[in-house]
Structure formats: structure tokens, C-alpha cells
Amino acid sequence: MSRAPRDWMAGLTGAQVLSSLRSGGLRLELAAGGGLRAHPVRLLTPWALALLERYRAEVADELRAEGRTPWPA
């Protein structure tokens, strides 16, 4: 896979990623190095979206606990 999707993905906020996921625009997968890869898709199941939103909320809570500011809403 080319680096372009990952480079593009790196510039997105969490809210932008979730917005794309809600519209069925992206599929995310873990890359070998622990990063994320984004792929265009046509459909994201409600179950998968709920799981990603839950993960985003958990990460935001962890950042707040460390005194860091999570991404904009």
C-alpha cells in the first residue's frame, strides 16, 4: 500500500475520522508497525462504528487523565 493514505490520515482529527466513518468513507486497520491504515469503503456496519466511537471515547478519557487535551469535537 502506498504511503499517501497514511500521510493523509495523519492530518485528520478524531472527529474528522469518525465523520468519514459515519458516511462510510473509510475502513481502518492496524499496520504492522502499530499505526493505522485507511482504506475507502462503501459501508461500515453500525456495530463497527459503535466500537470505534467507544475506543475514541476511551482514548480521550486517557488523554484527559494524563492532563493532555484530546482532539477537537
PDB file of N, CA and C in Angstrom:
ATOM      1  N   MET A   1       0.837  -1.176   0.000  1.00  0.00           N
ATOM      2  CA  MET A   1       0.000   0.000   0.000  1.00  0.00           C
ATOM      3  C   MET A   1       0.883   1.240   0.000  1.00  0.00           C
ATOM      4  N   SER A   2       0.471   2.252  -0.745  1.00  0.00           N
ATOM      5  CA  SER A   2       1.275   3.469  -0.793  1.00  0.00           C
ATOM      6  C   SER A   2       1.190   4.214   0.534  1.00  0.00           C
ATOM      7  N   ARG A   3       2.113   5.121   0.726  1.00  0.00           N
ATOM      8  CA  ARG A   3       2.122   5.904   1.964  1.00  0.00           C
ATOM      9  C   ARG A   3       1.063   6.997   1.953  1.00  0.00           C
ATOM     10  N   ALA A   4       0.566   7.381   0.791  1.00  0.00           N
ATOM     11  CA  ALA A   4      -0.365   8.508   0.685  1.00  0.00           C
ATOM     12  C   ALA A   4      -1.569   8.387   1.615  1.00  0.00           C
ATOM     13  N   PRO A   5      -2.270   7.253   1.680  1.00  0.00           N
ATOM     14  CA  PRO A   5      -3.421   7.191   2.591  1.00  0.00           C
ATOM     15  C   PRO A   5      -3.030   7.409   4.050  1.00  0.00           C
ATOM     16  N   ARG A   6      -1.900   6.862   4.475  1.00  0.00           N
ATOM     17  CA  ARG A   6      -1.483   7.039   5.866  1.00  0.00           C
ATOM     18  C   ARG A   6      -1.075   8.483   6.130  1.00  0.00           C
ATOM     19  N   ASP A   7      -0.365   9.111   5.174  1.00  0.00           N
ATOM     20  CA  ASP A   7       0.030  10.506   5.349  1.00  0.00           C
ATOM     21  C   ASP A   7      -1.199  11.401   5.436  1.00  0.00           C
ATOM     22  N   TRP A   8      -2.182  11.131   4.600  1.00  0.00           N
ATOM     23  CA  TRP A   8      -3.429  11.888   4.628  1.00  0.00           C
ATOM     24  C   TRP A   8      -4.148  11.672   5.949  1.00  0.00           C
ATOM     25  N   MET A   9      -4.171  10.427   6.404  1.00  0.00           N
ATOM     26  CA  MET A   9      -4.858  10.076   7.642  1.00  0.00           C
ATOM     27  C   MET A   9      -4.216  10.776   8.837  1.00  0.00           C
ATOM     28  N   ALA A  10      -2.909  10.933   8.819  1.00  0.00           N
ATOM     29  CA  ALA A  10      -2.200  11.522   9.954  1.00  0.00           C
ATOM     30  C   ALA A  10      -2.647  12.951  10.217  1.00  0.00           C
ATOM     31  N   GLY A  11      -3.147  13.648   9.194  1.00  0.00           N
ATOM     32  CA  GLY A  11      -3.572  15.027   9.361  1.00  0.00           C
ATOM     33  C   GLY A  11      -4.998  15.191   9.849  1.00  0.00           C
ATOM     34  N   LEU A  12      -5.726  14.108  10.026  1.00  0.00           N
ATOM     35  CA  LEU A  12      -7.125  14.189  10.435  1.00  0.00           C
ATOM     36  C   LEU A  12      -7.272  14.225  11.948  1.00  0.00           C
ATOM     37  N   THR A  13      -8.279  14.937  12.420  1.00  0.00           N
ATOM     38  CA  THR A  13      -8.626  14.866  13.835  1.00  0.00           C
ATOM     39  C   THR A  13      -9.509  13.647  14.046  1.00  0.00           C
ATOM     40  N   GLY A  14      -9.666  13.243  15.290  1.00  0.00           N
ATOM     41  CA  GLY A  14     -10.539  12.115  15.594  1.00  0.00           C
ATOM     42  C   GLY A  14     -11.956  12.345  15.113  1.00  0.00           C
ATOM     43  N   ALA A  15     -12.442  13.578  15.253  1.00  0.00           N
ATOM     44  CA  ALA A  15     -13.806  13.888  14.820  1.00  0.00           C
ATOM     45  C   ALA A  15     -13.947  13.751  13.312  1.00  0.00           C
ATOM     46  N   GLN A  16     -12.924  14.159  12.559  1.00  0.00           N
ATOM     47  CA  GLN A  16     -12.981  14.024  11.105  1.00  0.00           C
ATOM     48  C   GLN A  16     -12.974  12.562  10.693  1.00  0.00           C
ATOM     49  N   VAL A  17     -12.188  11.751  11.383  1.00  0.00           N
ATOM     50  CA  VAL A  17     -12.163  10.321  11.083  1.00  0.00           C
ATOM     51  C   VAL A  17     -13.536   9.718  11.333  1.00  0.00           C
ATOM     52  N   LEU A  18     -14.142  10.027  12.499  1.00  0.00           N
ATOM     53  CA  LEU A  18     -15.461   9.477  12.801  1.00  0.00           C
ATOM     54  C   LEU A  18     -16.503   9.977  11.820  1.00  0.00           C
ATOM     55  N   SER A  19     -16.382  11.225  11.379  1.00  0.00           N
ATOM     56  CA  SER A  19     -17.313  11.744  10.383  1.00  0.00           C
ATOM     57  C   SER A  19     -17.194  10.948   9.087  1.00  0.00           C
ATOM     58  N   SER A  20     -15.971  10.655   8.679  1.00  0.00           N
ATOM     59  CA  SER A  20     -15.768   9.843   7.477  1.00  0.00           C
ATOM     60  C   SER A  20     -16.305   8.437   7.672  1.00  0.00           C
ATOM     61  N   LEU A  21     -16.117   7.885   8.868  1.00  0.00           N
ATOM     62  CA  LEU A  21     -16.618   6.544   9.138  1.00  0.00           C
ATOM     63  C   LEU A  21     -18.138   6.511   9.098  1.00  0.00           C
ATOM     64  N   ARG A  22     -18.771   7.538   9.654  1.00  0.00           N
ATOM     65  CA  ARG A  22     -20.235   7.586   9.654  1.00  0.00           C
ATOM     66  C   ARG A  22     -20.780   7.616   8.233  1.00  0.00           C
ATOM     67  N   SER A  23     -20.068   8.297   7.348  1.00  0.00           N
ATOM     68  CA  SER A  23     -20.535   8.386   5.970  1.00  0.00           C
ATOM     69  C   SER A  23     -20.107   7.168   5.154  1.00  0.00           C
ATOM     70  N   GLY A  24     -19.417   6.236   5.788  1.00  0.00           N
ATOM     71  CA  GLY A  24     -18.969   5.045   5.079  1.00  0.00           C
ATOM     72  C   GLY A  24     -17.744   5.297   4.233  1.00  0.00           C
ATOM     73  N   GLY A  25     -16.961   6.320   4.583  1.00  0.00           N
ATOM     74  CA  GLY A  25     -15.845   6.708   3.744  1.00  0.00           C
ATOM     75  C   GLY A  25     -14.529   6.009   4.001  1.00  0.00           C
ATOM     76  N   LEU A  26     -14.330   5.406   5.174  1.00  0.00           N
ATOM     77  CA  LEU A  26     -13.031   4.821   5.494  1.00  0.00           C
ATOM     78  C   LEU A  26     -13.178   3.469   6.167  1.00  0.00           C
ATOM     79  N   ARG A  27     -12.182   2.632   5.955  1.00  0.00           N
ATOM     80  CA  ARG A  27     -12.024   1.416   6.760  1.00  0.00           C
ATOM     81  C   ARG A  27     -10.627   1.515   7.345  1.00  0.00           C
ATOM     82  N   LEU A  28     -10.513   1.321   8.650  1.00  0.00           N
ATOM     83  CA  LEU A  28      -9.220   1.416   9.321  1.00  0.00           C
ATOM     84  C   LEU A  28      -8.703   0.032   9.663  1.00  0.00           C
ATOM     85  N   GLU A  29      -7.400  -0.151   9.575  1.00  0.00           N
ATOM     86  CA  GLU A  29      -6.793  -1.400  10.027  1.00  0.00           C
ATOM     87  C   GLU A  29      -5.462  -1.073  10.669  1.00  0.00           C
ATOM     88  N   LEU A  30      -5.046  -1.905  11.582  1.00  0.00           N
ATOM     89  CA  LEU A  30      -3.747  -1.707  12.211  1.00  0.00           C
ATOM     90  C   LEU A  30      -2.646  -2.130  11.252  1.00  0.00           C
ATOM     91  N   ALA A  31      -1.650  -1.288  11.118  1.00  0.00           N
ATOM     92  CA  ALA A  31      -0.497  -1.609  10.287  1.00  0.00           C
ATOM     93  C   ALA A  31       0.502  -2.402  11.126  1.00  0.00           C
ATOM     94  N   ALA A  32       1.451  -3.022  10.471  1.00  0.00           N
ATOM     95  CA  ALA A  32       2.429  -3.858  11.161  1.00  0.00           C
ATOM     96  C   ALA A  32       3.195  -3.081  12.230  1.00  0.00           C
ATOM     97  N   GLY A  33       3.473  -1.812  11.993  1.00  0.00           N
ATOM     98  CA  GLY A  33       4.223  -1.010  12.949  1.00  0.00           C
ATOM     99  C   GLY A  33       3.376  -0.392  14.047  1.00  0.00           C
ATOM    100  N   GLY A  34       2.096  -0.737  14.098  1.00  0.00           N
ATOM    101  CA  GLY A  34       1.222  -0.205  15.131  1.00  0.00           C
ATOM    102  C   GLY A  34       0.434   1.018  14.704  1.00  0.00           C
ATOM    103  N   GLY A  35       0.692   1.529  13.497  1.00  0.00           N
ATOM    104  CA  GLY A  35      -0.067   2.680  13.006  1.00  0.00           C
ATOM    105  C   GLY A  35      -1.392   2.244  12.403  1.00  0.00           C
ATOM    106  N   LEU A  36      -2.115   3.201  11.887  1.00  0.00           N
ATOM    107  CA  LEU A  36      -3.388   2.912  11.241  1.00  0.00           C
ATOM    108  C   LEU A  36      -3.257   3.092   9.738  1.00  0.00           C
ATOM    109  N   ARG A  37      -3.971   2.264   9.005  1.00  0.00           N
ATOM    110  CA  ARG A  37      -4.093   2.437   7.565  1.00  0.00           C
ATOM    111  C   ARG A  37      -5.553   2.733   7.266  1.00  0.00           C
ATOM    112  N   ALA A  38      -5.790   3.613   6.329  1.00  0.00           N
ATOM    113  CA  ALA A  38      -7.160   3.956   5.950  1.00  0.00           C
ATOM    114  C   ALA A  38      -7.417   3.476   4.530  1.00  0.00           C
ATOM    115  N   HIS A  39      -8.583   2.888   4.326  1.00  0.00           N
ATOM    116  CA  HIS A  39      -8.989   2.416   3.006  1.00  0.00           C
ATOM    117  C   HIS A  39     -10.392   2.930   2.721  1.00  0.00           C
ATOM    118  N   PRO A  40     -10.664   3.375   1.493  1.00  0.00           N
ATOM    119  CA  PRO A  40     -12.033   3.763   1.166  1.00  0.00           C
ATOM    120  C   PRO A  40     -12.945   2.543   1.185  1.00  0.00           C
ATOM    121  N   VAL A  41     -14.146   2.713   1.656  1.00  0.00           N
ATOM    122  CA  VAL A  41     -15.140   1.633   1.647  1.00  0.00           C
ATOM    123  C   VAL A  41     -16.504   2.216   1.324  1.00  0.00           C
ATOM    124  N   ARG A  42     -17.439   1.343   1.100  1.00  0.00           N
ATOM    125  CA  ARG A  42     -18.796   1.786   0.806  1.00  0.00           C
ATOM    126  C   ARG A  42     -19.703   1.697   2.023  1.00  0.00           C
ATOM    127  N   LEU A  43     -19.378   0.851   2.994  1.00  0.00           N
ATOM    128  CA  LEU A  43     -20.296   0.640   4.104  1.00  0.00           C
ATOM    129  C   LEU A  43     -19.525   0.284   5.366  1.00  0.00           C
ATOM    130  N   LEU A  44     -19.911   0.867   6.464  1.00  0.00           N
ATOM    131  CA  LEU A  44     -19.380   0.492   7.768  1.00  0.00           C
ATOM    132  C   LEU A  44     -20.574   0.080   8.618  1.00  0.00           C
ATOM    133  N   THR A  45     -20.508  -1.077   9.203  1.00  0.00           N
ATOM    134  CA  THR A  45     -21.650  -1.571   9.974  1.00  0.00           C
ATOM    135  C   THR A  45     -21.849  -0.734  11.231  1.00  0.00           C
ATOM    136  N   PRO A  46     -23.072  -0.616  11.702  1.00  0.00           N
ATOM    137  CA  PRO A  46     -23.321   0.130  12.941  1.00  0.00           C
ATOM    138  C   PRO A  46     -22.525  -0.430  14.119  1.00  0.00           C
ATOM    139  N   TRP A  47     -22.336  -1.742  14.162  1.00  0.00           N
ATOM    140  CA  TRP A  47     -21.567  -2.358  15.240  1.00  0.00           C
ATOM    141  C   TRP A  47     -20.125  -1.863  15.217  1.00  0.00           C
ATOM    142  N   ALA A  48     -19.521  -1.825  14.032  1.00  0.00           N
ATOM    143  CA  ALA A  48     -18.132  -1.377  13.916  1.00  0.00           C
ATOM    144  C   ALA A  48     -18.008   0.104  14.269  1.00  0.00           C
ATOM    145  N   LEU A  49     -18.962   0.909  13.846  1.00  0.00           N
ATOM    146  CA  LEU A  49     -18.937   2.327  14.173  1.00  0.00           C
ATOM    147  C   LEU A  49     -19.048   2.541  15.682  1.00  0.00           C
ATOM    148  N   ALA A  50     -19.945   1.810  16.333  1.00  0.00           N
ATOM    149  CA  ALA A  50     -20.096   1.929  17.786  1.00  0.00           C
ATOM    150  C   ALA A  50     -18.803   1.542  18.502  1.00  0.00           C
ATOM    151  N   LEU A  51     -18.143   0.502  18.026  1.00  0.00           N
ATOM    152  CA  LEU A  51     -16.884   0.072  18.622  1.00  0.00           C
ATOM    153  C   LEU A  51     -15.816   1.159  18.486  1.00  0.00           C
ATOM    154  N   LEU A  52     -15.712   1.759  17.310  1.00  0.00           N
ATOM    155  CA  LEU A  52     -14.725   2.815  17.099  1.00  0.00           C
ATOM    156  C   LEU A  52     -15.041   4.056  17.931  1.00  0.00           C
ATOM    157  N   GLU A  53     -16.317   4.406  18.055  1.00  0.00           N
ATOM    158  CA  GLU A  53     -16.681   5.553  18.884  1.00  0.00           C
ATOM    159  C   GLU A  53     -16.354   5.286  20.355  1.00  0.00           C
ATOM    160  N   ARG A  54     -16.567   4.065  20.796  1.00  0.00           N
ATOM    161  CA  ARG A  54     -16.229   3.702  22.180  1.00  0.00           C
ATOM    162  C   ARG A  54     -14.716   3.798  22.404  1.00  0.00           C
ATOM    163  N   TYR A  55     -13.935   3.301  21.439  1.00  0.00           N
ATOM    164  CA  TYR A  55     -12.480   3.372  21.532  1.00  0.00           C
ATOM    165  C   TYR A  55     -12.029   4.834  21.564  1.00  0.00           C
ATOM    166  N   ARG A  56     -12.621   5.676  20.719  1.00  0.00           N
ATOM    167  CA  ARG A  56     -12.260   7.096  20.689  1.00  0.00           C
ATOM    168  C   ARG A  56     -12.535   7.735  22.050  1.00  0.00           C
ATOM    169  N   ALA A  57     -13.668   7.412  22.658  1.00  0.00           N
ATOM    170  CA  ALA A  57     -14.011   7.966  23.971  1.00  0.00           C
ATOM    171  C   ALA A  57     -13.016   7.504  25.039  1.00  0.00           C
ATOM    172  N   GLU A  58     -12.614   6.240  24.984  1.00  0.00           N
ATOM    173  CA  GLU A  58     -11.643   5.722  25.956  1.00  0.00           C
ATOM    174  C   GLU A  58     -10.298   6.422  25.815  1.00  0.00           C
ATOM    175  N   VAL A  59      -9.869   6.640  24.580  1.00  0.00           N
ATOM    176  CA  VAL A  59      -8.594   7.330  24.350  1.00  0.00           C
ATOM    177  C   VAL A  59      -8.684   8.768  24.858  1.00  0.00           C
ATOM    178  N   ALA A  60      -9.806   9.435  24.601  1.00  0.00           N
ATOM    179  CA  ALA A  60      -9.982  10.809  25.086  1.00  0.00           C
ATOM    180  C   ALA A  60      -9.923  10.850  26.612  1.00  0.00           C
ATOM    181  N   ASP A  61     -10.553   9.885  27.275  1.00  0.00           N
ATOM    182  CA  ASP A  61     -10.510   9.828  28.740  1.00  0.00           C
ATOM    183  C   ASP A  61      -9.084   9.636  29.245  1.00  0.00           C
ATOM    184  N   GLU A  62      -8.317   8.774  28.577  1.00  0.00           N
ATOM    185  CA  GLU A  62      -6.926   8.542  28.978  1.00  0.00           C
ATOM    186  C   GLU A  62      -6.093   9.811  28.802  1.00  0.00           C
ATOM    187  N   LEU A  63      -6.310  10.527  27.704  1.00  0.00           N
ATOM    188  CA  LEU A  63      -5.573  11.771  27.480  1.00  0.00           C
ATOM    189  C   LEU A  63      -5.902  12.800  28.557  1.00  0.00           C
ATOM    190  N   ARG A  64      -7.179  12.923  28.901  1.00  0.00           N
ATOM    191  CA  ARG A  64      -7.573  13.862  29.959  1.00  0.00           C
ATOM    192  C   ARG A  64      -6.946  13.476  31.295  1.00  0.00           C
ATOM    193  N   ALA A  65      -6.902  12.178  31.595  1.00  0.00           N
ATOM    194  CA  ALA A  65      -6.311  11.709  32.852  1.00  0.00           C
ATOM    195  C   ALA A  65      -4.823  12.056  32.924  1.00  0.00           C
ATOM    196  N   GLU A  66      -4.160  12.117  31.772  1.00  0.00           N
ATOM    197  CA  GLU A  66      -2.744  12.480  31.712  1.00  0.00           C
ATOM    198  C   GLU A  66      -2.543  13.992  31.663  1.00  0.00           C
ATOM    199  N   GLY A  67      -3.648  14.746  31.692  1.00  0.00           N
ATOM    200  CA  GLY A  67      -3.546  16.196  31.627  1.00  0.00           C
ATOM    201  C   GLY A  67      -3.361  16.730  30.223  1.00  0.00           C
ATOM    202  N   ARG A  68      -3.601  15.908  29.229  1.00  0.00           N
ATOM    203  CA  ARG A  68      -3.460  16.318  27.831  1.00  0.00           C
ATOM    204  C   ARG A  68      -4.840  16.612  27.252  1.00  0.00           C
ATOM    205  N   THR A  69      -4.876  17.423  26.219  1.00  0.00           N
ATOM    206  CA  THR A  69      -6.140  17.792  25.587  1.00  0.00           C
ATOM    207  C   THR A  69      -6.424  16.848  24.426  1.00  0.00           C
ATOM    208  N   PRO A  70      -7.587  16.186  24.442  1.00  0.00           N
ATOM    209  CA  PRO A  70      -7.930  15.343  23.300  1.00  0.00           C
ATOM    210  C   PRO A  70      -8.255  16.204  22.081  1.00  0.00           C
ATOM    211  N   TRP A  71      -8.374  15.568  20.946  1.00  0.00           N
ATOM    212  CA  TRP A  71      -8.675  16.258  19.697  1.00  0.00           C
ATOM    213  C   TRP A  71      -9.986  17.016  19.818  1.00  0.00           C
ATOM    214  N   PRO A  72     -10.178  18.008  18.929  1.00  0.00           N
ATOM    215  CA  PRO A  72     -11.430  18.775  18.972  1.00  0.00           C
ATOM    216  C   PRO A  72     -12.637  17.905  18.644  1.00  0.00           C
ATOM    217  N   ALA A  73     -13.790  18.276  19.200  1.00  0.00           N
ATOM    218  CA  ALA A  73     -15.026  17.510  18.964  1.00  0.00           C
ATOM    219  C   ALA A  73     -15.566  17.759  17.579  1.00  0.00           C
TER     220      ALA A  73
END
